[in-house]
C-alpha cells in the first residue's frame, strides 16, 4: 500500500513540475511580454523610430469606450467589452489617410479574435475622397496596434513597433493585413484625366445656346 502511495505521489509531483515548466515557458515567451508605459508613451516611442511620417499629427487621444459608435469609427469593433483602454493618433488635416490606434486588452480576453475583428471592421475609406492603401494589425502581449495609411508608412510604423517591443524583451507576431486602395497621384497641373463619352461633342469655345443649357431656379 505504501509503495502505491509513493508511486502516486511521485506522479503527482511529476505533473506539478511539468505544469510549472509549461507556465514558465508561456510566461517567458517574448510574444506574451506586456509592454510597460502608457499607450501615449508607447505611441511616442513608435513615432521616434519612424522615418516616413512627415504630416502634423495630433497628440494621441483617448477613445471613449462607452461610446460604441466612436470605438467603431476608429477601431471597427462592435463591442468594447474586451478593451481596457485605447488611443488614436491621426493627422491635424482630415483629408490625409492615416490612422494609428493602440489598444490595451483586458486580462483573459481573446487577443487574436479582437485583432481579427479590428482588421475586418475598420474602415479604410473613412476619409473624404481618399483611402488608406494598407491596413495592418499586430500585437505584443496585451497591446494591439492598428495602423492604416500608404503602404510605405504602414511598414515603417510596424517596424518601429517591433523595435519598441524588442527593447522591452518582447516580440510581435505575424501581422494581420489587408489591402486598401492605391491612390492615384494628382498631376502637377492639378488636372485629373477623366473618361469622356465618345459621343460627347467637343467644346470649341463658342457660347452654348440657351436651349441647350441648364436652367437654374
N, C-alpha and C. Protein backbone atom coordinates (compact mmCIF):
# COMPACT_ATOMS: atom_id res chain seq x y z
N UNK A 1 0.83 -1.20 0.00
CA UNK A 1 0.00 0.00 0.00
C UNK A 1 0.87 1.26 0.00
N UNK A 2 1.95 1.20 0.84
CA UNK A 2 2.84 2.35 0.90
C UNK A 2 3.52 2.59 -0.45
N UNK A 3 3.85 1.46 -1.14
CA UNK A 3 4.50 1.58 -2.44
C UNK A 3 3.58 2.27 -3.44
N UNK A 4 2.29 1.91 -3.41
CA UNK A 4 1.33 2.53 -4.33
C UNK A 4 1.20 4.02 -4.04
N UNK A 5 1.15 4.36 -2.75
CA UNK A 5 1.05 5.77 -2.38
C UNK A 5 2.28 6.55 -2.82
N UNK A 6 3.45 5.93 -2.71
CA UNK A 6 4.68 6.59 -3.13
C UNK A 6 4.68 6.83 -4.64
N UNK A 7 4.18 5.80 -5.38
CA UNK A 7 4.13 5.94 -6.85
C UNK A 7 3.18 7.07 -7.24
N UNK A 8 2.00 7.10 -6.58
CA UNK A 8 1.02 8.16 -6.88
C UNK A 8 1.58 9.53 -6.54
N UNK A 9 2.29 9.62 -5.42
CA UNK A 9 2.89 10.89 -5.01
C UNK A 9 3.95 11.34 -6.02
N UNK A 10 4.73 10.36 -6.51
CA UNK A 10 5.78 10.68 -7.48
C UNK A 10 5.16 11.21 -8.77
N UNK A 11 4.07 10.56 -9.22
CA UNK A 11 3.40 11.02 -10.45
C UNK A 11 2.80 12.40 -10.28
N UNK A 12 2.22 12.65 -9.09
CA UNK A 12 1.63 13.97 -8.85
C UNK A 12 2.69 15.06 -8.86
N UNK A 13 3.84 14.77 -8.30
CA UNK A 13 4.93 15.75 -8.30
C UNK A 13 5.44 15.98 -9.72
N UNK A 14 5.49 14.88 -10.52
CA UNK A 14 5.95 14.99 -11.90
C UNK A 14 5.02 15.89 -12.70
N UNK A 15 3.71 15.68 -12.54
CA UNK A 15 2.75 16.52 -13.25
C UNK A 15 2.83 17.97 -12.79
N UNK A 16 3.06 18.17 -11.49
CA UNK A 16 3.16 19.53 -10.96
C UNK A 16 4.36 20.25 -11.56
N UNK A 17 5.50 19.54 -11.65
CA UNK A 17 6.70 20.16 -12.24
C UNK A 17 6.48 20.45 -13.73
N UNK A 18 5.79 19.53 -14.41
CA UNK A 18 5.52 19.74 -15.84
C UNK A 18 4.64 20.96 -16.05
N UNK A 19 3.62 21.11 -15.17
CA UNK A 19 2.73 22.26 -15.28
C UNK A 19 3.47 23.55 -15.01
N UNK A 20 4.34 23.55 -14.01
CA UNK A 20 5.11 24.75 -13.69
C UNK A 20 6.04 25.10 -14.85
N UNK A 21 6.65 24.06 -15.43
CA UNK A 21 7.54 24.30 -16.55
C UNK A 21 6.80 24.90 -17.73
N UNK A 22 5.56 24.40 -17.97
CA UNK A 22 4.76 24.93 -19.04
C UNK A 22 4.39 26.37 -18.81
N UNK A 23 4.02 26.70 -17.57
CA UNK A 23 3.67 28.07 -17.23
C UNK A 23 4.86 29.00 -17.39
N UNK A 24 6.04 28.53 -16.98
CA UNK A 24 7.24 29.36 -17.11
C UNK A 24 7.56 29.61 -18.58
N UNK A 25 7.40 28.55 -19.41
CA UNK A 25 7.69 28.71 -20.83
C UNK A 25 6.72 29.70 -21.47
N UNK A 26 5.45 29.62 -21.07
CA UNK A 26 4.45 30.54 -21.60
C UNK A 26 4.75 31.96 -21.15
N UNK A 27 5.14 32.11 -19.89
CA UNK A 27 5.42 33.43 -19.33
C UNK A 27 6.65 34.05 -19.97
N UNK A 28 7.65 33.21 -20.30
CA UNK A 28 8.89 33.71 -20.86
C UNK A 28 8.84 33.87 -22.38
N UNK A 29 7.73 33.50 -22.99
CA UNK A 29 7.58 33.66 -24.43
C UNK A 29 7.57 35.15 -24.76
N UNK A 30 8.48 35.63 -25.59
CA UNK A 30 8.53 37.07 -25.88
C UNK A 30 7.26 37.61 -26.53
N UNK A 31 6.46 36.72 -27.15
CA UNK A 31 5.21 37.17 -27.75
C UNK A 31 4.20 37.58 -26.69
N UNK A 32 4.41 37.09 -25.45
CA UNK A 32 3.46 37.36 -24.37
C UNK A 32 3.92 38.45 -23.42
N UNK A 33 5.02 39.12 -23.74
CA UNK A 33 5.51 40.20 -22.88
C UNK A 33 4.59 41.41 -23.00
N UNK A 34 4.07 41.86 -21.88
CA UNK A 34 3.22 43.05 -21.86
C UNK A 34 4.10 44.30 -21.80
N UNK A 35 3.91 45.20 -22.73
CA UNK A 35 4.73 46.41 -22.79
C UNK A 35 4.44 47.32 -21.61
N UNK A 36 5.49 47.94 -21.09
CA UNK A 36 5.33 48.88 -19.99
C UNK A 36 5.14 50.29 -20.53
N UNK A 37 4.60 51.14 -19.70
CA UNK A 37 4.34 52.52 -20.10
C UNK A 37 2.91 52.69 -20.56
N UNK A 38 2.45 53.93 -20.57
CA UNK A 38 1.10 54.22 -21.03
C UNK A 38 1.03 54.07 -22.55
N UNK A 39 -0.16 54.00 -23.07
CA UNK A 39 -0.32 53.92 -24.53
C UNK A 39 0.25 55.17 -25.20
N UNK A 40 0.11 56.32 -24.55
CA UNK A 40 0.67 57.55 -25.09
C UNK A 40 2.19 57.48 -25.16
N UNK A 41 2.80 56.90 -24.14
CA UNK A 41 4.26 56.76 -24.12
C UNK A 41 4.73 55.77 -25.19
N UNK A 42 3.99 54.70 -25.36
CA UNK A 42 4.33 53.72 -26.39
C UNK A 42 4.22 54.35 -27.77
N UNK A 43 3.17 55.15 -27.97
CA UNK A 43 2.99 55.85 -29.26
C UNK A 43 4.18 56.76 -29.53
N UNK A 44 4.63 57.49 -28.51
CA UNK A 44 5.77 58.40 -28.68
C UNK A 44 7.03 57.62 -29.07
N UNK A 45 7.23 56.44 -28.47
CA UNK A 45 8.39 55.62 -28.80
C UNK A 45 8.30 55.11 -30.24
N UNK A 46 7.09 54.74 -30.65
CA UNK A 46 6.91 54.27 -32.03
C UNK A 46 7.27 55.37 -33.01
N UNK A 47 6.73 56.57 -32.80
CA UNK A 47 6.99 57.67 -33.73
C UNK A 47 8.45 58.10 -33.74
N UNK A 48 9.12 57.94 -32.60
CA UNK A 48 10.54 58.30 -32.53
C UNK A 48 11.39 57.41 -33.44
N UNK A 49 10.87 56.22 -33.75
CA UNK A 49 11.63 55.29 -34.58
C UNK A 49 11.21 55.25 -36.03
N UNK A 50 10.31 56.14 -36.43
CA UNK A 50 9.86 56.15 -37.83
C UNK A 50 10.62 57.19 -38.64
N UNK A 51 10.57 57.01 -39.97
CA UNK A 51 11.27 57.95 -40.86
C UNK A 51 10.39 58.43 -42.01
N UNK A 52 9.18 57.92 -42.12
CA UNK A 52 8.34 58.25 -43.28
C UNK A 52 7.20 59.20 -42.96
N UNK A 53 6.98 59.49 -41.70
CA UNK A 53 5.85 60.33 -41.32
C UNK A 53 6.27 61.80 -41.32
N UNK A 54 5.70 62.57 -42.24
CA UNK A 54 6.04 63.99 -42.35
C UNK A 54 4.83 64.87 -42.04
N UNK A 55 3.68 64.27 -41.83
CA UNK A 55 2.45 65.03 -41.55
C UNK A 55 2.42 65.51 -40.11
N UNK A 56 1.65 66.55 -39.83
CA UNK A 56 1.45 67.03 -38.48
C UNK A 56 0.37 66.17 -37.82
N UNK A 57 0.73 65.56 -36.70
CA UNK A 57 -0.19 64.66 -36.02
C UNK A 57 -0.70 65.28 -34.72
N UNK A 58 -1.95 64.98 -34.40
CA UNK A 58 -2.48 65.35 -33.09
C UNK A 58 -1.83 64.46 -32.03
N UNK A 59 -1.83 64.93 -30.79
CA UNK A 59 -1.36 64.07 -29.71
C UNK A 59 -2.28 62.86 -29.61
N UNK A 60 -1.74 61.69 -29.23
CA UNK A 60 -2.60 60.52 -29.06
C UNK A 60 -3.79 60.85 -28.14
N UNK A 61 -4.97 60.53 -28.59
CA UNK A 61 -6.20 60.90 -27.89
C UNK A 61 -6.96 59.65 -27.48
N UNK A 62 -7.48 59.67 -26.26
CA UNK A 62 -8.19 58.50 -25.75
C UNK A 62 -9.51 58.30 -26.46
N UNK A 63 -9.81 57.05 -26.77
CA UNK A 63 -11.08 56.68 -27.37
C UNK A 63 -12.08 56.40 -26.26
N UNK A 64 -13.23 57.02 -26.34
CA UNK A 64 -14.28 56.83 -25.34
C UNK A 64 -14.92 55.46 -25.55
N UNK A 65 -14.55 54.50 -24.72
CA UNK A 65 -15.04 53.14 -24.90
C UNK A 65 -16.52 53.01 -24.55
N UNK A 66 -17.07 53.99 -23.84
CA UNK A 66 -18.50 53.97 -23.54
C UNK A 66 -19.32 54.37 -24.77
N UNK A 67 -18.66 55.02 -25.72
CA UNK A 67 -19.32 55.43 -26.96
C UNK A 67 -18.96 54.40 -28.03
N UNK A 68 -19.84 53.43 -28.23
CA UNK A 68 -19.56 52.34 -29.16
C UNK A 68 -19.40 52.85 -30.59
N UNK A 69 -20.16 53.88 -30.95
CA UNK A 69 -20.04 54.44 -32.30
C UNK A 69 -18.65 55.01 -32.52
N UNK A 70 -18.11 55.69 -31.52
CA UNK A 70 -16.76 56.25 -31.63
C UNK A 70 -15.72 55.14 -31.73
N UNK A 71 -15.87 54.10 -30.90
CA UNK A 71 -14.94 52.97 -30.95
C UNK A 71 -15.01 52.27 -32.30
N UNK A 72 -16.20 52.18 -32.85
CA UNK A 72 -16.36 51.55 -34.17
C UNK A 72 -15.71 52.40 -35.26
N UNK A 73 -15.81 53.71 -35.13
CA UNK A 73 -15.22 54.61 -36.13
C UNK A 73 -13.70 54.45 -36.19
N UNK A 74 -13.07 54.36 -35.03
CA UNK A 74 -11.61 54.29 -35.00
C UNK A 74 -11.08 52.85 -35.12
N UNK A 75 -11.81 51.88 -34.55
CA UNK A 75 -11.29 50.52 -34.46
C UNK A 75 -12.10 49.49 -35.24
N UNK A 76 -13.31 49.85 -35.64
CA UNK A 76 -14.13 48.91 -36.38
C UNK A 76 -14.76 47.81 -35.53
N UNK A 77 -14.77 47.98 -34.20
CA UNK A 77 -15.32 46.95 -33.32
C UNK A 77 -16.78 47.24 -33.01
N UNK A 78 -17.54 46.16 -32.77
CA UNK A 78 -18.95 46.29 -32.43
C UNK A 78 -19.16 46.34 -30.92
N UNK A 79 -18.14 45.93 -30.17
CA UNK A 79 -18.23 45.94 -28.70
C UNK A 79 -16.86 46.27 -28.13
N UNK A 80 -16.84 46.91 -26.97
CA UNK A 80 -15.58 47.29 -26.32
C UNK A 80 -15.36 46.50 -25.02
N UNK A 81 -16.10 45.41 -24.85
CA UNK A 81 -16.03 44.67 -23.58
C UNK A 81 -14.65 44.11 -23.30
N UNK A 82 -13.90 43.76 -24.32
CA UNK A 82 -12.58 43.15 -24.11
C UNK A 82 -11.46 44.18 -24.08
N UNK A 83 -11.79 45.46 -24.22
CA UNK A 83 -10.78 46.52 -24.29
C UNK A 83 -10.70 47.27 -22.95
N UNK A 84 -9.50 47.39 -22.43
CA UNK A 84 -9.30 48.14 -21.19
C UNK A 84 -9.11 49.63 -21.47
N UNK A 85 -8.36 49.94 -22.53
CA UNK A 85 -8.10 51.33 -22.89
C UNK A 85 -7.63 51.38 -24.33
N UNK A 86 -7.89 52.51 -25.01
CA UNK A 86 -7.46 52.66 -26.40
C UNK A 86 -7.24 54.12 -26.71
N UNK A 87 -6.26 54.40 -27.59
CA UNK A 87 -6.00 55.76 -28.05
C UNK A 87 -5.86 55.74 -29.57
N UNK A 88 -6.11 56.89 -30.19
CA UNK A 88 -5.90 57.02 -31.63
C UNK A 88 -4.96 58.18 -31.90
N UNK A 89 -4.27 58.10 -33.04
CA UNK A 89 -3.36 59.16 -33.47
C UNK A 89 -3.63 59.40 -34.95
N UNK A 90 -4.04 60.63 -35.29
CA UNK A 90 -4.39 60.95 -36.67
C UNK A 90 -3.89 62.35 -37.01
N UNK A 91 -3.83 62.68 -38.32
CA UNK A 91 -3.31 63.99 -38.73
C UNK A 91 -4.24 65.13 -38.33
N UNK A 92 -3.66 66.32 -38.21
CA UNK A 92 -4.46 67.51 -37.94
C UNK A 92 -5.32 67.87 -39.14
N UNK A 93 -4.85 67.51 -40.35
CA UNK A 93 -5.62 67.74 -41.57
C UNK A 93 -6.40 66.47 -41.88
N UNK A 94 -7.72 66.59 -41.92
CA UNK A 94 -8.56 65.41 -42.01
C UNK A 94 -8.58 64.71 -43.35
N UNK A 95 -7.97 65.28 -44.38
CA UNK A 95 -8.01 64.67 -45.71
C UNK A 95 -6.81 63.75 -45.97
N UNK A 96 -5.97 63.52 -44.97
CA UNK A 96 -4.80 62.66 -45.13
C UNK A 96 -5.14 61.27 -44.60
N UNK A 97 -5.05 60.23 -45.43
CA UNK A 97 -5.44 58.90 -44.98
C UNK A 97 -4.39 58.25 -44.09
N UNK A 98 -4.47 58.52 -42.80
CA UNK A 98 -3.56 57.92 -41.83
C UNK A 98 -4.27 57.78 -40.49
N UNK A 99 -4.13 56.62 -39.88
CA UNK A 99 -4.65 56.41 -38.53
C UNK A 99 -3.85 55.31 -37.85
N UNK A 100 -3.46 55.57 -36.61
CA UNK A 100 -2.78 54.57 -35.80
C UNK A 100 -3.49 54.50 -34.45
N UNK A 101 -3.89 53.31 -34.05
CA UNK A 101 -4.55 53.12 -32.76
C UNK A 101 -3.79 52.10 -31.94
N UNK A 102 -3.71 52.35 -30.64
CA UNK A 102 -3.13 51.41 -29.70
C UNK A 102 -4.22 50.97 -28.72
N UNK A 103 -4.29 49.68 -28.48
CA UNK A 103 -5.34 49.10 -27.64
C UNK A 103 -4.71 48.24 -26.56
N UNK A 104 -5.12 48.47 -25.32
CA UNK A 104 -4.71 47.59 -24.22
C UNK A 104 -5.87 46.65 -23.93
N UNK A 105 -5.60 45.35 -24.06
CA UNK A 105 -6.65 44.34 -23.94
C UNK A 105 -6.79 43.90 -22.49
N UNK A 106 -8.02 43.67 -22.07
CA UNK A 106 -8.28 43.21 -20.72
C UNK A 106 -7.69 41.81 -20.51
N UNK A 107 -7.31 41.53 -19.27
CA UNK A 107 -6.74 40.23 -18.94
C UNK A 107 -7.77 39.13 -19.20
N UNK A 108 -7.31 38.09 -19.87
CA UNK A 108 -8.18 36.95 -20.16
C UNK A 108 -8.97 37.07 -21.45
N UNK A 109 -8.93 38.23 -22.10
CA UNK A 109 -9.68 38.42 -23.35
C UNK A 109 -8.95 37.72 -24.50
N UNK A 110 -9.68 37.39 -25.54
CA UNK A 110 -9.13 36.72 -26.71
C UNK A 110 -8.49 37.76 -27.63
N UNK A 111 -7.17 37.88 -27.54
CA UNK A 111 -6.45 38.91 -28.30
C UNK A 111 -6.54 38.65 -29.80
N UNK A 112 -6.36 37.40 -30.20
CA UNK A 112 -6.39 37.08 -31.63
C UNK A 112 -7.76 37.39 -32.24
N UNK A 113 -8.82 37.10 -31.50
CA UNK A 113 -10.16 37.38 -32.01
C UNK A 113 -10.39 38.88 -32.14
N UNK A 114 -9.88 39.66 -31.18
CA UNK A 114 -10.03 41.11 -31.24
C UNK A 114 -9.24 41.68 -32.42
N UNK A 115 -8.04 41.17 -32.66
CA UNK A 115 -7.25 41.63 -33.80
C UNK A 115 -7.98 41.38 -35.12
N UNK A 116 -8.56 40.18 -35.23
CA UNK A 116 -9.28 39.84 -36.46
C UNK A 116 -10.51 40.74 -36.64
N UNK A 117 -11.19 41.06 -35.53
CA UNK A 117 -12.37 41.93 -35.61
C UNK A 117 -11.98 43.34 -36.06
N UNK A 118 -10.87 43.83 -35.52
CA UNK A 118 -10.39 45.17 -35.91
C UNK A 118 -10.04 45.19 -37.40
N UNK A 119 -9.29 44.20 -37.87
CA UNK A 119 -8.89 44.16 -39.27
C UNK A 119 -10.12 44.12 -40.18
N UNK A 120 -11.09 43.30 -39.81
CA UNK A 120 -12.27 43.14 -40.65
C UNK A 120 -13.17 44.36 -40.61
N UNK A 121 -13.27 45.00 -39.45
CA UNK A 121 -14.25 46.06 -39.28
C UNK A 121 -13.78 47.47 -39.57
N UNK A 122 -12.48 47.75 -39.45
CA UNK A 122 -12.01 49.12 -39.60
C UNK A 122 -12.22 49.60 -41.03
N UNK A 123 -12.63 50.85 -41.17
CA UNK A 123 -12.98 51.41 -42.47
C UNK A 123 -11.81 52.20 -43.04
N UNK A 124 -11.15 51.65 -44.05
CA UNK A 124 -10.00 52.35 -44.65
C UNK A 124 -10.43 53.40 -45.66
N UNK A 125 -11.75 53.60 -45.81
CA UNK A 125 -12.26 54.65 -46.69
C UNK A 125 -12.96 55.75 -45.89
N UNK A 126 -12.67 55.88 -44.63
CA UNK A 126 -13.45 56.79 -43.78
C UNK A 126 -13.15 58.27 -44.05
N UNK A 127 -12.09 58.55 -44.83
CA UNK A 127 -11.77 59.94 -45.16
C UNK A 127 -12.50 60.36 -46.42
N UNK A 128 -12.73 61.64 -46.57
CA UNK A 128 -13.40 62.14 -47.76
C UNK A 128 -12.45 62.12 -48.96
N UNK A 129 -12.84 61.41 -50.00
CA UNK A 129 -12.13 61.39 -51.29
C UNK A 129 -10.82 60.62 -51.27
N UNK A 130 -10.36 60.11 -50.14
CA UNK A 130 -9.10 59.36 -50.10
C UNK A 130 -9.31 58.08 -49.29
N UNK A 131 -8.35 57.16 -49.44
CA UNK A 131 -8.42 55.89 -48.71
C UNK A 131 -7.02 55.41 -48.38
N UNK A 132 -6.91 54.58 -47.35
CA UNK A 132 -5.61 54.00 -47.00
C UNK A 132 -5.26 52.88 -47.97
N UNK A 133 -3.97 52.73 -48.25
CA UNK A 133 -3.51 51.69 -49.16
C UNK A 133 -3.37 50.34 -48.47
N UNK A 134 -3.15 50.37 -47.16
CA UNK A 134 -2.88 49.12 -46.44
C UNK A 134 -3.32 49.26 -44.99
N UNK A 135 -3.81 48.15 -44.43
CA UNK A 135 -4.19 48.09 -43.01
C UNK A 135 -3.39 46.96 -42.37
N UNK A 136 -2.82 47.20 -41.21
CA UNK A 136 -2.06 46.17 -40.50
C UNK A 136 -2.44 46.19 -39.03
N UNK A 137 -2.63 44.99 -38.46
CA UNK A 137 -2.96 44.85 -37.04
C UNK A 137 -1.97 43.86 -36.44
N UNK A 138 -1.28 44.27 -35.38
CA UNK A 138 -0.24 43.44 -34.78
C UNK A 138 -0.25 43.66 -33.28
N UNK A 139 0.34 42.76 -32.54
CA UNK A 139 0.37 42.93 -31.08
C UNK A 139 1.66 42.40 -30.48
N UNK A 140 1.95 42.91 -29.29
CA UNK A 140 2.96 42.34 -28.39
C UNK A 140 2.29 42.22 -27.04
N UNK A 141 2.11 41.01 -26.55
CA UNK A 141 1.40 40.82 -25.29
C UNK A 141 -0.02 41.35 -25.40
N UNK A 142 -0.41 42.17 -24.43
CA UNK A 142 -1.78 42.68 -24.40
C UNK A 142 -1.93 44.04 -25.08
N UNK A 143 -0.93 44.45 -25.84
CA UNK A 143 -1.00 45.71 -26.57
C UNK A 143 -1.15 45.44 -28.07
N UNK A 144 -2.26 45.91 -28.63
CA UNK A 144 -2.53 45.76 -30.05
C UNK A 144 -2.30 47.12 -30.73
N UNK A 145 -1.67 47.09 -31.90
CA UNK A 145 -1.55 48.30 -32.71
C UNK A 145 -2.24 48.08 -34.05
N UNK A 146 -3.07 49.03 -34.45
CA UNK A 146 -3.67 49.05 -35.78
C UNK A 146 -3.17 50.29 -36.48
N UNK A 147 -2.67 50.13 -37.70
CA UNK A 147 -2.23 51.30 -38.48
C UNK A 147 -2.70 51.13 -39.90
N UNK A 148 -3.24 52.20 -40.48
CA UNK A 148 -3.63 52.19 -41.89
C UNK A 148 -3.20 53.50 -42.52
N UNK A 149 -2.61 53.38 -43.70
CA UNK A 149 -2.03 54.54 -44.40
C UNK A 149 -1.49 54.05 -45.73
N UNK A 150 -0.61 54.85 -46.34
CA UNK A 150 0.14 54.38 -47.50
C UNK A 150 1.00 53.19 -47.07
N UNK A 151 1.23 52.26 -47.97
CA UNK A 151 1.93 51.02 -47.62
C UNK A 151 3.30 51.29 -47.00
N UNK A 152 4.04 52.22 -47.55
CA UNK A 152 5.38 52.54 -47.03
C UNK A 152 5.31 53.00 -45.58
N UNK A 153 4.32 53.80 -45.26
CA UNK A 153 4.18 54.30 -43.89
C UNK A 153 3.76 53.18 -42.95
N UNK A 154 2.82 52.34 -43.38
CA UNK A 154 2.38 51.22 -42.56
C UNK A 154 3.55 50.32 -42.20
N UNK A 155 4.36 49.96 -43.19
CA UNK A 155 5.51 49.09 -42.94
C UNK A 155 6.51 49.74 -42.00
N UNK A 156 6.70 51.04 -42.13
CA UNK A 156 7.63 51.78 -41.28
C UNK A 156 7.14 51.79 -39.83
N UNK A 157 5.86 52.07 -39.62
CA UNK A 157 5.30 52.12 -38.26
C UNK A 157 5.33 50.73 -37.62
N UNK A 158 5.02 49.69 -38.40
CA UNK A 158 5.06 48.33 -37.85
C UNK A 158 6.48 47.93 -37.45
N UNK A 159 7.45 48.32 -38.25
CA UNK A 159 8.84 48.01 -37.91
C UNK A 159 9.26 48.72 -36.63
N UNK A 160 8.80 49.95 -36.45
CA UNK A 160 9.13 50.69 -35.24
C UNK A 160 8.46 50.07 -34.02
N UNK A 161 7.21 49.63 -34.18
CA UNK A 161 6.51 48.95 -33.07
C UNK A 161 7.26 47.69 -32.67
N UNK A 162 7.74 46.94 -33.65
CA UNK A 162 8.51 45.73 -33.36
C UNK A 162 9.80 46.08 -32.60
N UNK A 163 10.43 47.20 -32.96
CA UNK A 163 11.65 47.62 -32.28
C UNK A 163 11.35 48.03 -30.83
N UNK A 164 10.22 48.70 -30.62
CA UNK A 164 9.82 49.06 -29.25
C UNK A 164 9.60 47.80 -28.43
N UNK A 165 8.92 46.82 -29.00
CA UNK A 165 8.70 45.56 -28.29
C UNK A 165 10.02 44.87 -27.96
N UNK A 166 10.93 44.84 -28.93
CA UNK A 166 12.23 44.20 -28.71
C UNK A 166 13.03 44.89 -27.62
N UNK A 167 12.89 46.21 -27.51
CA UNK A 167 13.63 46.96 -26.48
C UNK A 167 13.16 46.59 -25.08
N UNK A 168 11.97 46.01 -24.97
CA UNK A 168 11.45 45.58 -23.67
C UNK A 168 11.47 44.06 -23.51
N UNK A 169 12.20 43.38 -24.40
CA UNK A 169 12.29 41.93 -24.33
C UNK A 169 11.10 41.22 -24.94
N UNK A 170 10.28 41.95 -25.68
CA UNK A 170 9.10 41.35 -26.29
C UNK A 170 9.30 41.10 -27.77
N UNK A 171 8.27 40.57 -28.38
CA UNK A 171 8.31 40.25 -29.80
C UNK A 171 6.90 40.33 -30.36
N UNK A 172 6.79 40.80 -31.59
CA UNK A 172 5.48 40.85 -32.24
C UNK A 172 5.32 39.63 -33.14
N UNK A 173 4.10 39.15 -33.24
CA UNK A 173 3.83 38.03 -34.13
C UNK A 173 3.59 38.51 -35.55
N UNK A 174 3.22 37.58 -36.40
CA UNK A 174 2.92 37.94 -37.79
C UNK A 174 1.70 38.86 -37.82
N UNK A 175 1.78 39.99 -38.52
CA UNK A 175 0.66 40.92 -38.55
C UNK A 175 -0.51 40.39 -39.38
N UNK A 176 -1.71 40.82 -39.01
CA UNK A 176 -2.88 40.60 -39.86
C UNK A 176 -2.97 41.81 -40.78
N UNK A 177 -3.11 41.57 -42.08
CA UNK A 177 -3.07 42.68 -43.04
C UNK A 177 -4.15 42.54 -44.09
N UNK A 178 -4.53 43.67 -44.64
CA UNK A 178 -5.39 43.66 -45.82
C UNK A 178 -5.06 44.89 -46.65
N UNK A 179 -5.30 44.77 -47.95
CA UNK A 179 -5.02 45.87 -48.87
C UNK A 179 -6.19 46.84 -48.87
N UNK A 180 -5.86 48.12 -49.00
CA UNK A 180 -6.88 49.14 -49.13
C UNK A 180 -7.02 49.54 -50.59
N UNK A 181 -6.78 50.80 -50.88
CA UNK A 181 -6.86 51.29 -52.25
C UNK A 181 -5.64 52.15 -52.55
N UNK A 182 -5.00 51.89 -53.68
CA UNK A 182 -3.86 52.70 -54.10
C UNK A 182 -4.38 54.01 -54.64
N UNK A 183 -3.85 55.10 -54.13
CA UNK A 183 -4.30 56.42 -54.53
C UNK A 183 -3.60 56.88 -55.79
N UNK A 184 -4.38 57.43 -56.71
CA UNK A 184 -3.81 57.97 -57.96
C UNK A 184 -3.13 59.30 -57.68
N UNK A 185 -1.90 59.43 -58.19
CA UNK A 185 -1.17 60.69 -57.99
C UNK A 185 -1.85 61.82 -58.76
N UNK A 186 -1.94 62.97 -58.12
CA UNK A 186 -2.52 64.14 -58.78
C UNK A 186 -1.45 64.83 -59.62
N UNK A 187 -1.71 65.10 -60.92
CA UNK A 187 -0.71 65.75 -61.78
C UNK A 187 -0.30 67.12 -61.24
N UNK A 188 0.88 67.57 -61.66
CA UNK A 188 1.40 68.85 -61.18
C UNK A 188 0.47 70.01 -61.51
N UNK A 189 -0.25 69.90 -62.67
CA UNK A 189 -1.15 70.99 -63.03
C UNK A 189 -2.49 70.91 -62.33
N UNK A 190 -2.65 69.86 -61.52
CA UNK A 190 -3.88 69.72 -60.74
C UNK A 190 -5.07 69.22 -61.52
N UNK A 191 -4.87 68.86 -62.80
CA UNK A 191 -5.98 68.41 -63.65
C UNK A 191 -5.92 66.90 -63.77
N UNK A 192 -6.99 66.24 -63.35
CA UNK A 192 -7.06 64.79 -63.42
C UNK A 192 -7.63 64.37 -64.77
N UNK A 193 -7.10 63.29 -65.35
CA UNK A 193 -7.66 62.73 -66.57
C UNK A 193 -9.03 62.15 -66.29
N UNK A 194 -9.97 62.38 -67.17
CA UNK A 194 -11.33 61.88 -66.99
C UNK A 194 -11.75 61.16 -68.26
N UNK A 195 -12.52 60.10 -68.07
CA UNK A 195 -13.07 59.37 -69.21
C UNK A 195 -14.24 60.16 -69.78
N UNK A 196 -14.16 60.52 -71.07
CA UNK A 196 -15.21 61.29 -71.72
C UNK A 196 -15.95 60.39 -72.69
N UNK A 197 -17.28 60.34 -72.64
CA UNK A 197 -18.02 59.51 -73.58
C UNK A 197 -17.67 59.85 -75.02
N UNK A 198 -17.57 58.81 -75.86
CA UNK A 198 -17.14 59.01 -77.25
C UNK A 198 -18.10 59.88 -78.04
N UNK A 199 -19.40 59.87 -77.68
CA UNK A 199 -20.38 60.64 -78.44
C UNK A 199 -20.58 62.05 -77.93
N UNK A 200 -19.76 62.46 -76.95
CA UNK A 200 -19.90 63.82 -76.43
C UNK A 200 -19.19 64.80 -77.36
N UNK A 201 -19.89 65.84 -77.86
CA UNK A 201 -19.25 66.80 -78.76
C UNK A 201 -18.17 67.62 -78.05
N UNK A 202 -17.13 67.92 -78.79
CA UNK A 202 -16.04 68.70 -78.21
C UNK A 202 -16.46 70.15 -78.06
N UNK A 203 -16.04 70.78 -76.97
CA UNK A 203 -16.34 72.20 -76.74
C UNK A 203 -15.35 73.05 -77.51
N UNK A 204 -15.84 73.90 -78.40
CA UNK A 204 -14.95 74.69 -79.25
C UNK A 204 -14.83 76.14 -78.80
N UNK A 205 -15.32 76.42 -77.61
CA UNK A 205 -15.18 77.77 -77.10
C UNK A 205 -16.35 78.67 -77.41
N UNK A 206 -17.27 78.21 -78.28
CA UNK A 206 -18.43 79.04 -78.60
C UNK A 206 -19.44 79.01 -77.46
N UNK A 207 -20.26 80.05 -77.42
CA UNK A 207 -21.28 80.15 -76.36
C UNK A 207 -22.33 79.05 -76.55
N UNK A 208 -22.70 78.41 -75.49
CA UNK A 208 -23.70 77.35 -75.54
C UNK A 208 -25.07 77.98 -75.74
N UNK A 209 -25.83 77.51 -76.74
CA UNK A 209 -27.17 78.07 -76.94
C UNK A 209 -28.03 77.90 -75.70
N UNK A 210 -28.92 78.87 -75.48
CA UNK A 210 -29.74 78.87 -74.27
C UNK A 210 -30.57 77.61 -74.17
N UNK A 211 -31.08 77.12 -75.33
CA UNK A 211 -31.95 75.96 -75.25
C UNK A 211 -31.19 74.67 -74.90
N UNK A 212 -29.86 74.71 -75.08
CA UNK A 212 -29.05 73.55 -74.74
C UNK A 212 -28.46 73.65 -73.34
N UNK A 213 -28.66 74.76 -72.70
CA UNK A 213 -28.06 74.94 -71.40
C UNK A 213 -28.93 74.38 -70.28
N UNK A 214 -28.50 74.59 -69.06
CA UNK A 214 -29.23 74.12 -67.89
C UNK A 214 -29.87 75.35 -67.22
N UNK A 215 -31.15 75.28 -67.02
CA UNK A 215 -31.88 76.38 -66.41
C UNK A 215 -31.94 76.17 -64.91
N UNK A 216 -31.46 77.11 -64.16
CA UNK A 216 -31.48 77.03 -62.71
C UNK A 216 -32.57 77.95 -62.16
N UNK A 217 -33.14 77.56 -61.03
CA UNK A 217 -34.12 78.39 -60.37
C UNK A 217 -35.54 78.15 -60.83
